[in-house]
Amino acid sequence: AKCQCKIAPKERKNCGPPGISAAECKKAGCCFNASVTGVPWCFSPKPKKVKKVCPANPQVRVNCGYPGITANECTKKKCCFRAYPAGVPWCFYHRTVEE
């Protein structure tokens, strides 16, 4: 993602050999920016930001509890709890998504 390549030139960490082309650099999963001299042009991207969310779609819930689990017991397991709709897990795992 473009936002992962917004790194101050002095903070860039080299991600390829000298003379690497922009295409080779990007193919290796790195960022390329040749606008500043004296710093790496091919550099490592920032790590992806992720967060845990409770899935909105009840059909994708993955069970984290057992029938009759209470909201308190579910929360202690660090899982999501929604007592609806019927027929799907009410205590379920978070999903990790990129921000």
C-alpha atoms as a PDB file:
ATOM      1  CA  ALA A   1       0.000   0.000   0.000  1.00  0.00           C
ATOM      2  CA  LYS A   2       1.204   3.522  -0.762  1.00  0.00           C
ATOM      3  CA  CYS A   3       0.838   4.655   2.850  1.00  0.00           C
ATOM      4  CA  GLN A   4       3.386   2.007   3.889  1.00  0.00           C
ATOM      5  CA  CYS A   5       6.009   3.803   1.779  1.00  0.00           C
ATOM      6  CA  LYS A   6       5.589   7.219   3.418  1.00  0.00           C
ATOM      7  CA  ILE A   7       8.850   7.116   5.366  1.00  0.00           C
ATOM      8  CA  ALA A   8      11.190  10.046   6.057  1.00  0.00           C
ATOM      9  CA  PRO A   9      14.299   9.665   3.828  1.00  0.00           C
ATOM     10  CA  LYS A  10      16.661   9.500   6.828  1.00  0.00           C
ATOM     11  CA  GLU A  11      14.588   6.641   8.339  1.00  0.00           C
ATOM     12  CA  ARG A  12      14.684   4.413   5.244  1.00  0.00           C
ATOM     13  CA  LYS A  13      16.114   0.911   5.624  1.00  0.00           C
ATOM     14  CA  ASN A  14      17.819  -0.434   2.485  1.00  0.00           C
ATOM     15  CA  CYS A  15      15.858  -3.178   0.737  1.00  0.00           C
ATOM     16  CA  GLY A  16      17.989  -4.048  -2.270  1.00  0.00           C
ATOM     17  CA  PRO A  17      21.433  -4.037  -3.852  1.00  0.00           C
ATOM     18  CA  PRO A  18      22.949  -0.829  -5.290  1.00  0.00           C
ATOM     19  CA  GLY A  19      21.576  -0.054  -8.745  1.00  0.00           C
ATOM     20  CA  ILE A  20      18.352  -2.059  -8.289  1.00  0.00           C
ATOM     21  CA  SER A  21      15.636  -0.934 -10.689  1.00  0.00           C
ATOM     22  CA  ALA A  22      12.274   0.381  -9.537  1.00  0.00           C
ATOM     23  CA  ALA A  23      10.573  -2.697 -11.051  1.00  0.00           C
ATOM     24  CA  GLU A  24      12.950  -5.137  -9.288  1.00  0.00           C
ATOM     25  CA  CYS A  25      12.524  -3.251  -6.027  1.00  0.00           C
ATOM     26  CA  LYS A  26       8.713  -3.337  -6.152  1.00  0.00           C
ATOM     27  CA  LYS A  27       8.758  -6.998  -7.232  1.00  0.00           C
ATOM     28  CA  ALA A  28      10.697  -7.730  -4.017  1.00  0.00           C
ATOM     29  CA  GLY A  29       7.888  -6.095  -1.996  1.00  0.00           C
ATOM     30  CA  CYS A  30       9.856  -2.934  -1.277  1.00  0.00           C
ATOM     31  CA  CYS A  31       9.237   0.779  -1.819  1.00  0.00           C
ATOM     32  CA  PHE A  32      11.097   2.815  -4.463  1.00  0.00           C
ATOM     33  CA  ASN A  33      11.621   6.579  -4.450  1.00  0.00           C
ATOM     34  CA  ALA A  34      14.628   8.138  -6.180  1.00  0.00           C
ATOM     35  CA  SER A  35      13.775  11.786  -5.390  1.00  0.00           C
ATOM     36  CA  VAL A  36      16.326  12.183  -2.565  1.00  0.00           C
ATOM     37  CA  THR A  37      20.045  11.544  -3.096  1.00  0.00           C
ATOM     38  CA  GLY A  38      22.281   9.994  -0.444  1.00  0.00           C
ATOM     39  CA  VAL A  39      19.579   7.728   1.043  1.00  0.00           C
ATOM     40  CA  PRO A  40      18.300   4.280   0.002  1.00  0.00           C
ATOM     41  CA  TRP A  41      16.001   4.519  -3.020  1.00  0.00           C
ATOM     42  CA  CYS A  42      14.766   0.968  -2.555  1.00  0.00           C
ATOM     43  CA  PHE A  43      13.626   0.643   1.051  1.00  0.00           C
ATOM     44  CA  SER A  44      11.542  -1.515   3.380  1.00  0.00           C
ATOM     45  CA  PRO A  45       7.880  -0.551   3.789  1.00  0.00           C
ATOM     46  CA  LYS A  46       6.360   0.209   7.175  1.00  0.00           C
ATOM     47  CA  PRO A  47       4.659  -2.810   8.748  1.00  0.00           C
ATOM     48  CA  LYS A  48       0.955  -3.130   8.004  1.00  0.00           C
ATOM     49  CA  LYS A  49      -1.331  -1.811  10.687  1.00  0.00           C
ATOM     50  CA  VAL A  50      -3.898  -4.329  11.803  1.00  0.00           C
ATOM     51  CA  LYS A  51      -6.710  -4.274  14.312  1.00  0.00           C
ATOM     52  CA  LYS A  52      -9.038  -6.845  15.792  1.00  0.00           C
ATOM     53  CA  VAL A  53     -12.739  -6.428  15.094  1.00  0.00           C
ATOM     54  CA  CYS A  54     -15.861  -8.403  15.804  1.00  0.00           C
ATOM     55  CA  PRO A  55     -17.154  -9.577  12.402  1.00  0.00           C
ATOM     56  CA  ALA A  56     -20.421  -7.894  11.404  1.00  0.00           C
ATOM     57  CA  ASN A  57     -21.648 -10.835   9.308  1.00  0.00           C
ATOM     58  CA  PRO A  58     -23.099 -13.529  11.643  1.00  0.00           C
ATOM     59  CA  GLN A  59     -22.398 -16.208   8.995  1.00  0.00           C
ATOM     60  CA  VAL A  60     -18.602 -15.819   9.336  1.00  0.00           C
ATOM     61  CA  ARG A  61     -18.518 -16.172  13.129  1.00  0.00           C
ATOM     62  CA  VAL A  62     -16.123 -18.805  14.448  1.00  0.00           C
ATOM     63  CA  ASN A  63     -17.297 -20.308  17.732  1.00  0.00           C
ATOM     64  CA  CYS A  64     -15.262 -19.311  20.786  1.00  0.00           C
ATOM     65  CA  GLY A  65     -17.577 -20.675  23.463  1.00  0.00           C
ATOM     66  CA  TYR A  66     -20.207 -23.278  24.115  1.00  0.00           C
ATOM     67  CA  PRO A  67     -24.022 -23.329  24.227  1.00  0.00           C
ATOM     68  CA  GLY A  68     -25.255 -21.202  27.116  1.00  0.00           C
ATOM     69  CA  ILE A  69     -22.004 -19.273  27.669  1.00  0.00           C
ATOM     70  CA  THR A  70     -22.592 -15.936  29.388  1.00  0.00           C
ATOM     71  CA  ALA A  71     -21.393 -12.596  28.029  1.00  0.00           C
ATOM     72  CA  ASN A  72     -19.035 -12.326  31.025  1.00  0.00           C
ATOM     73  CA  GLU A  73     -17.496 -15.769  30.433  1.00  0.00           C
ATOM     74  CA  CYS A  74     -17.092 -14.972  26.729  1.00  0.00           C
ATOM     75  CA  THR A  75     -15.419 -11.617  27.460  1.00  0.00           C
ATOM     76  CA  LYS A  76     -13.008 -13.337  29.866  1.00  0.00           C
ATOM     77  CA  LYS A  77     -11.914 -15.504  26.909  1.00  0.00           C
ATOM     78  CA  LYS A  78     -11.257 -12.222  25.009  1.00  0.00           C
ATOM     79  CA  CYS A  79     -13.921 -13.040  22.415  1.00  0.00           C
ATOM     80  CA  CYS A  80     -16.879 -11.128  20.938  1.00  0.00           C
ATOM     81  CA  PHE A  81     -20.384 -11.657  22.327  1.00  0.00           C
ATOM     82  CA  ARG A  82     -23.662 -10.881  20.552  1.00  0.00           C
ATOM     83  CA  ALA A  83     -26.766 -12.747  21.691  1.00  0.00           C
ATOM     84  CA  TYR A  84     -28.401 -12.695  18.255  1.00  0.00           C
ATOM     85  CA  PRO A  85     -29.387 -13.968  15.731  1.00  0.00           C
ATOM     86  CA  ALA A  86     -30.444 -17.512  16.576  1.00  0.00           C
ATOM     87  CA  GLY A  87     -28.573 -20.387  14.961  1.00  0.00           C
ATOM     88  CA  VAL A  88     -25.073 -18.840  14.966  1.00  0.00           C
ATOM     89  CA  PRO A  89     -22.386 -18.657  17.673  1.00  0.00           C
ATOM     90  CA  TRP A  90     -23.019 -15.865  20.171  1.00  0.00           C
ATOM     91  CA  CYS A  91     -19.490 -16.048  21.553  1.00  0.00           C
ATOM     92  CA  PHE A  92     -17.035 -15.819  18.665  1.00  0.00           C
ATOM     93  CA  TYR A  93     -13.467 -14.915  17.758  1.00  0.00           C
ATOM     94  CA  HIS A  94     -12.285 -11.518  16.538  1.00  0.00           C
ATOM     95  CA  ARG A  95     -11.053 -11.130  12.966  1.00  0.00           C
ATOM     96  CA  THR A  96      -7.824  -9.323  12.172  1.00  0.00           C
ATOM     97  CA  VAL A  97      -8.166  -6.663   9.472  1.00  0.00           C
ATOM     98  CA  GLU A  98      -5.746  -4.186   7.892  1.00  0.00           C
ATOM     99  CA  GLU A  99      -6.328  -0.543   8.695  1.00  0.00           C
END
